[in-house]
N, C-alpha and C. Protein backbone atom coordinates (compact mmCIF):
# COMPACT_ATOMS: atom_id res chain seq x y z
N MET A 1 -29.31 -12.44 -14.53
CA MET A 1 -28.43 -13.47 -14.09
C MET A 1 -26.96 -12.86 -14.37
N ALA A 2 -26.27 -13.01 -13.31
CA ALA A 2 -24.88 -12.54 -13.41
C ALA A 2 -24.12 -13.42 -14.25
N LYS A 3 -23.08 -12.92 -14.95
CA LYS A 3 -22.17 -13.81 -15.76
C LYS A 3 -21.04 -14.04 -14.99
N THR A 4 -20.74 -15.27 -14.70
CA THR A 4 -19.67 -15.64 -13.87
C THR A 4 -18.68 -16.81 -14.32
N SER A 5 -19.02 -17.32 -15.46
CA SER A 5 -18.26 -18.36 -16.22
C SER A 5 -17.35 -17.72 -17.31
N TYR A 6 -16.29 -18.32 -17.50
CA TYR A 6 -15.36 -17.90 -18.45
C TYR A 6 -15.15 -18.88 -19.59
N VAL A 7 -15.06 -18.39 -20.85
CA VAL A 7 -14.75 -19.31 -21.97
C VAL A 7 -13.55 -18.72 -22.62
N ASN A 8 -12.49 -19.64 -22.74
CA ASN A 8 -11.30 -19.21 -23.36
C ASN A 8 -11.20 -19.85 -24.64
N VAL A 9 -11.05 -19.18 -25.78
CA VAL A 9 -10.80 -19.80 -27.04
C VAL A 9 -9.65 -19.30 -27.80
N ARG A 10 -9.03 -20.01 -28.60
CA ARG A 10 -7.95 -19.58 -29.52
C ARG A 10 -8.38 -19.53 -30.94
N VAL A 11 -8.17 -18.43 -31.62
CA VAL A 11 -8.54 -18.33 -32.98
C VAL A 11 -7.38 -17.59 -33.68
N GLU A 12 -7.47 -17.69 -35.02
CA GLU A 12 -6.54 -17.03 -35.86
C GLU A 12 -6.67 -15.50 -35.71
N ASP A 13 -5.48 -14.63 -35.71
CA ASP A 13 -5.58 -13.26 -35.55
C ASP A 13 -6.48 -12.55 -36.52
N GLU A 14 -6.29 -12.96 -37.79
CA GLU A 14 -7.03 -12.37 -38.76
C GLU A 14 -8.59 -12.51 -38.68
N VAL A 15 -8.97 -13.77 -38.24
CA VAL A 15 -10.38 -14.02 -38.04
C VAL A 15 -10.83 -13.16 -36.95
N LYS A 16 -10.16 -13.14 -35.81
CA LYS A 16 -10.62 -12.30 -34.66
C LYS A 16 -10.72 -10.85 -35.05
N ILE A 17 -9.87 -10.34 -35.82
CA ILE A 17 -9.80 -8.83 -36.24
C ILE A 17 -10.91 -8.48 -37.11
N LYS A 18 -11.21 -9.39 -38.18
CA LYS A 18 -12.28 -9.17 -39.16
C LYS A 18 -13.62 -9.38 -38.36
N ALA A 19 -13.85 -10.34 -37.53
CA ALA A 19 -14.97 -10.41 -36.74
C ALA A 19 -15.27 -9.22 -35.76
N GLU A 20 -14.24 -8.87 -35.15
CA GLU A 20 -14.42 -7.75 -34.28
C GLU A 20 -14.83 -6.46 -35.00
N GLU A 21 -14.42 -6.27 -36.13
CA GLU A 21 -14.68 -5.06 -37.04
C GLU A 21 -16.20 -5.18 -37.24
N ILE A 22 -16.72 -6.23 -37.75
CA ILE A 22 -18.03 -6.46 -38.05
C ILE A 22 -18.96 -6.30 -36.81
N LEU A 23 -18.54 -6.90 -35.61
CA LEU A 23 -19.27 -6.77 -34.47
C LEU A 23 -19.28 -5.40 -33.98
N ASN A 24 -18.21 -4.50 -34.17
CA ASN A 24 -18.14 -3.13 -33.74
C ASN A 24 -19.20 -2.35 -34.52
N GLU A 25 -19.32 -2.69 -35.76
CA GLU A 25 -20.33 -1.93 -36.63
C GLU A 25 -21.73 -2.33 -36.22
N LEU A 26 -21.90 -3.50 -35.62
CA LEU A 26 -23.30 -3.95 -35.22
C LEU A 26 -23.45 -3.43 -33.71
N GLY A 27 -22.45 -2.86 -33.05
CA GLY A 27 -22.59 -2.35 -31.76
C GLY A 27 -22.46 -3.39 -30.62
N ILE A 28 -21.94 -4.63 -30.94
CA ILE A 28 -21.74 -5.59 -29.96
C ILE A 28 -20.24 -5.88 -29.83
N ASN A 29 -19.82 -6.36 -28.61
CA ASN A 29 -18.45 -6.87 -28.39
C ASN A 29 -18.46 -8.37 -28.64
N THR A 30 -17.29 -8.87 -28.62
CA THR A 30 -17.02 -10.32 -28.87
C THR A 30 -17.72 -11.19 -27.77
N SER A 31 -17.72 -10.73 -26.53
CA SER A 31 -18.13 -11.36 -25.35
C SER A 31 -19.64 -11.58 -25.58
N THR A 32 -20.37 -10.48 -25.88
CA THR A 32 -21.77 -10.52 -26.21
C THR A 32 -22.14 -11.49 -27.36
N ALA A 33 -21.40 -11.31 -28.40
CA ALA A 33 -21.66 -12.20 -29.55
C ALA A 33 -21.56 -13.68 -29.20
N ILE A 34 -20.52 -14.06 -28.48
CA ILE A 34 -20.35 -15.42 -27.95
C ILE A 34 -21.55 -15.79 -27.05
N ASP A 35 -21.88 -15.03 -26.19
CA ASP A 35 -23.11 -15.26 -25.44
C ASP A 35 -24.38 -15.54 -26.22
N MET A 36 -24.47 -14.75 -27.23
CA MET A 36 -25.66 -14.77 -28.12
C MET A 36 -25.55 -16.15 -28.90
N PHE A 37 -24.44 -16.51 -29.28
CA PHE A 37 -24.21 -17.83 -30.03
C PHE A 37 -24.60 -18.95 -29.04
N LEU A 38 -24.10 -18.95 -27.88
CA LEU A 38 -24.27 -19.99 -26.88
C LEU A 38 -25.85 -20.18 -26.66
N LYS A 39 -26.52 -19.02 -26.58
CA LYS A 39 -28.00 -19.04 -26.26
C LYS A 39 -28.75 -19.64 -27.49
N GLN A 40 -28.22 -19.29 -28.72
CA GLN A 40 -28.77 -19.88 -30.00
C GLN A 40 -28.55 -21.41 -29.95
N ILE A 41 -27.58 -21.93 -29.50
CA ILE A 41 -27.25 -23.33 -29.42
C ILE A 41 -28.44 -23.95 -28.50
N ILE A 42 -28.64 -23.34 -27.29
CA ILE A 42 -29.66 -23.76 -26.43
C ILE A 42 -31.03 -23.76 -27.15
N LEU A 43 -31.33 -22.59 -27.77
CA LEU A 43 -32.62 -22.49 -28.39
C LEU A 43 -32.89 -23.43 -29.47
N ASN A 44 -31.82 -23.80 -30.15
CA ASN A 44 -31.91 -24.63 -31.31
C ASN A 44 -31.62 -26.18 -31.03
N ASP A 45 -31.29 -26.35 -29.74
CA ASP A 45 -30.86 -27.78 -29.35
C ASP A 45 -29.68 -28.28 -30.26
N GLY A 46 -28.81 -27.47 -30.52
CA GLY A 46 -27.81 -27.76 -31.48
C GLY A 46 -27.18 -26.45 -32.14
N LEU A 47 -26.32 -26.63 -33.09
CA LEU A 47 -25.77 -25.41 -33.73
C LEU A 47 -26.78 -24.68 -34.43
N PRO A 48 -26.77 -23.37 -34.47
CA PRO A 48 -27.81 -22.65 -35.14
C PRO A 48 -27.73 -22.43 -36.73
N PHE A 49 -26.91 -23.34 -37.28
CA PHE A 49 -26.66 -23.43 -38.69
C PHE A 49 -26.21 -24.76 -39.11
N ASP A 50 -26.40 -25.21 -40.42
CA ASP A 50 -26.11 -26.39 -40.75
C ASP A 50 -24.56 -26.72 -40.83
N VAL A 51 -24.17 -27.69 -40.48
CA VAL A 51 -22.70 -28.08 -40.60
C VAL A 51 -22.61 -29.35 -41.44
N ARG A 52 -22.12 -29.29 -42.68
CA ARG A 52 -22.09 -30.42 -43.44
C ARG A 52 -21.09 -30.12 -44.58
N LEU A 53 -20.66 -31.21 -45.26
CA LEU A 53 -19.74 -31.16 -46.30
C LEU A 53 -20.50 -30.50 -47.54
N PRO A 54 -19.97 -29.87 -48.33
CA PRO A 54 -20.55 -29.24 -49.55
C PRO A 54 -20.93 -30.40 -50.48
N LYS A 55 -22.17 -30.25 -51.02
CA LYS A 55 -22.59 -31.39 -52.05
C LYS A 55 -21.94 -30.92 -53.43
N ILE A 56 -21.22 -31.91 -53.97
CA ILE A 56 -20.69 -31.78 -55.14
C ILE A 56 -21.47 -32.40 -56.33
N ASP A 57 -21.74 -31.58 -57.39
CA ASP A 57 -22.48 -32.11 -58.57
C ASP A 57 -21.64 -32.76 -59.58
N TYR A 58 -21.20 -33.99 -59.32
CA TYR A 58 -20.20 -34.63 -60.17
C TYR A 58 -20.77 -34.76 -61.57
N GLU A 59 -22.07 -35.03 -61.74
CA GLU A 59 -22.54 -35.11 -63.02
C GLU A 59 -22.47 -33.79 -63.97
N LYS A 60 -22.78 -32.63 -63.22
CA LYS A 60 -22.59 -31.35 -63.93
C LYS A 60 -21.06 -31.12 -64.39
N HIS A 61 -20.15 -31.56 -63.62
CA HIS A 61 -18.81 -31.35 -64.05
C HIS A 61 -18.37 -32.36 -65.07
N GLU A 62 -18.85 -33.54 -64.97
CA GLU A 62 -18.69 -34.52 -66.18
C GLU A 62 -19.19 -34.02 -67.49
N ASN A 63 -20.37 -33.61 -67.38
CA ASN A 63 -21.11 -33.15 -68.67
C ASN A 63 -20.27 -31.95 -69.11
N GLU A 64 -19.84 -30.91 -68.32
CA GLU A 64 -19.15 -29.73 -68.69
C GLU A 64 -17.88 -30.16 -69.52
N LEU A 65 -17.13 -31.05 -68.95
CA LEU A 65 -15.82 -31.49 -69.61
C LEU A 65 -16.15 -32.39 -70.81
N ALA A 66 -17.15 -33.13 -70.81
CA ALA A 66 -17.49 -34.03 -71.92
C ALA A 66 -17.96 -33.07 -73.14
N LEU A 67 -18.70 -32.07 -72.81
CA LEU A 67 -19.14 -31.10 -73.90
C LEU A 67 -17.83 -30.46 -74.46
N ALA A 68 -16.98 -30.05 -73.50
CA ALA A 68 -15.78 -29.26 -74.01
C ALA A 68 -14.80 -30.06 -74.91
N ILE A 69 -14.93 -31.35 -74.84
CA ILE A 69 -13.94 -32.26 -75.63
C ILE A 69 -14.85 -33.01 -76.61
N HIS A 70 -16.02 -32.64 -76.70
CA HIS A 70 -17.03 -33.17 -77.74
C HIS A 70 -17.14 -34.63 -77.42
N MET A 71 -17.39 -35.09 -76.35
CA MET A 71 -17.51 -36.53 -75.88
C MET A 71 -18.87 -36.70 -75.32
N ASN A 72 -19.85 -35.81 -75.62
CA ASN A 72 -21.23 -35.93 -74.89
C ASN A 72 -21.90 -37.18 -75.41
N GLN A 73 -21.54 -37.74 -76.54
CA GLN A 73 -22.31 -38.88 -77.08
C GLN A 73 -21.93 -40.17 -76.49
N ARG A 74 -20.89 -40.24 -75.72
CA ARG A 74 -20.25 -41.51 -75.24
C ARG A 74 -20.82 -41.61 -73.83
N LEU A 75 -21.87 -42.47 -73.56
CA LEU A 75 -22.36 -42.84 -72.29
C LEU A 75 -22.32 -44.36 -72.21
N PRO A 76 -21.92 -45.04 -71.11
CA PRO A 76 -21.42 -44.22 -69.97
C PRO A 76 -19.97 -43.93 -70.32
N TYR A 77 -19.51 -42.87 -69.59
CA TYR A 77 -18.16 -42.33 -69.79
C TYR A 77 -17.13 -43.35 -69.38
N PRO A 78 -15.98 -43.41 -70.03
CA PRO A 78 -14.93 -44.39 -69.67
C PRO A 78 -14.37 -43.93 -68.32
N LYS A 79 -13.72 -44.90 -67.71
CA LYS A 79 -13.22 -44.77 -66.36
C LYS A 79 -12.23 -43.67 -66.27
N TRP A 80 -11.25 -43.50 -67.29
CA TRP A 80 -10.30 -42.47 -67.30
C TRP A 80 -11.01 -41.14 -67.28
N PHE A 81 -12.02 -40.90 -67.84
CA PHE A 81 -12.79 -39.61 -67.89
C PHE A 81 -13.35 -39.33 -66.71
N LYS A 82 -14.05 -40.37 -66.01
CA LYS A 82 -14.78 -40.23 -64.80
C LYS A 82 -13.78 -39.76 -63.72
N ASN A 83 -12.55 -40.33 -63.76
CA ASN A 83 -11.52 -39.99 -62.84
C ASN A 83 -11.02 -38.63 -62.78
N ILE A 84 -10.77 -38.17 -64.18
CA ILE A 84 -10.39 -36.61 -64.36
C ILE A 84 -11.61 -35.78 -63.90
N ALA A 85 -12.85 -36.14 -64.31
CA ALA A 85 -13.97 -35.32 -63.91
C ALA A 85 -14.18 -35.24 -62.42
N SER A 86 -13.86 -36.47 -61.85
CA SER A 86 -14.07 -36.36 -60.31
C SER A 86 -13.05 -35.49 -59.73
N LEU A 87 -11.76 -35.52 -60.21
CA LEU A 87 -10.76 -34.60 -59.62
C LEU A 87 -11.12 -33.11 -59.82
N TYR A 88 -11.69 -32.89 -60.93
CA TYR A 88 -12.11 -31.53 -61.32
C TYR A 88 -13.30 -31.09 -60.42
N ALA A 89 -14.18 -31.98 -60.18
CA ALA A 89 -15.33 -31.69 -59.30
C ALA A 89 -14.95 -31.33 -57.99
N ARG A 90 -14.06 -32.12 -57.36
CA ARG A 90 -13.56 -31.88 -56.07
C ARG A 90 -12.70 -30.69 -55.91
N GLY A 91 -12.26 -29.99 -56.99
CA GLY A 91 -11.39 -28.96 -56.94
C GLY A 91 -9.93 -29.33 -56.82
N ASP A 92 -9.64 -30.64 -57.12
CA ASP A 92 -8.16 -30.98 -57.12
C ASP A 92 -7.47 -30.71 -58.37
N LEU A 93 -8.26 -30.48 -59.41
CA LEU A 93 -7.75 -29.93 -60.72
C LEU A 93 -8.66 -28.66 -61.13
N ASP A 94 -7.91 -27.69 -61.67
CA ASP A 94 -8.71 -26.57 -62.18
C ASP A 94 -9.27 -26.92 -63.58
N TYR A 95 -10.09 -26.20 -64.13
CA TYR A 95 -10.74 -26.58 -65.44
C TYR A 95 -9.73 -26.74 -66.52
N ASP A 96 -8.76 -25.79 -66.66
CA ASP A 96 -7.82 -25.98 -67.75
C ASP A 96 -7.00 -27.18 -67.67
N VAL A 97 -6.58 -27.51 -66.55
CA VAL A 97 -5.82 -28.79 -66.39
C VAL A 97 -6.65 -29.91 -66.67
N ALA A 98 -7.83 -30.01 -66.10
CA ALA A 98 -8.89 -31.21 -66.32
C ALA A 98 -9.15 -31.25 -67.75
N LEU A 99 -9.38 -30.10 -68.60
CA LEU A 99 -9.49 -30.18 -70.02
C LEU A 99 -8.38 -30.59 -70.76
N TYR A 100 -7.16 -30.30 -70.51
CA TYR A 100 -5.98 -30.66 -71.08
C TYR A 100 -5.89 -32.21 -70.83
N ALA A 101 -5.95 -32.69 -69.76
CA ALA A 101 -5.83 -34.09 -69.33
C ALA A 101 -6.84 -35.00 -70.08
N ALA A 102 -8.06 -34.50 -70.19
CA ALA A 102 -9.22 -35.14 -70.77
C ALA A 102 -8.92 -35.20 -72.35
N LYS A 103 -8.40 -34.15 -72.92
CA LYS A 103 -8.11 -34.17 -74.26
C LYS A 103 -6.91 -35.14 -74.66
N LYS A 104 -5.90 -35.26 -73.72
CA LYS A 104 -4.79 -36.11 -73.94
C LYS A 104 -5.28 -37.56 -73.88
N TRP A 105 -6.15 -37.87 -72.92
CA TRP A 105 -6.62 -39.25 -72.78
C TRP A 105 -7.48 -39.65 -73.88
N LYS A 106 -8.24 -38.69 -74.24
CA LYS A 106 -9.25 -38.93 -75.47
C LYS A 106 -8.46 -39.33 -76.69
N GLU A 107 -7.34 -38.66 -76.92
CA GLU A 107 -6.40 -38.87 -78.15
C GLU A 107 -5.93 -40.37 -77.96
N GLN A 108 -5.59 -40.88 -76.94
CA GLN A 108 -5.19 -42.08 -76.69
C GLN A 108 -6.24 -43.17 -76.63
N ASP A 109 -7.45 -42.93 -76.32
CA ASP A 109 -8.58 -43.82 -76.38
C ASP A 109 -8.99 -44.39 -77.60
């Protein structure tokens, strides 16, 4: 079957360059790769990979912080601690900042 349709897409330069480098090593051009992708969508009746938000293990992050500030005996955790642990779990605070904040709040508690 002859290819007669066009697909125009805009992507970041760096993404295009890195993808083309990999495709060149595989011996395929970008057009062929996009064609393969579209055929996989048809075969899978949807995207050929999962598209979802990453699952965050809040409990793991809470326990990690609680252990670090010697608070693992206090269940349920106080609201201030759950707020800090939640920010840490989502990546809004790095570990050191979350630990510092938790220690400061614990001193006031």
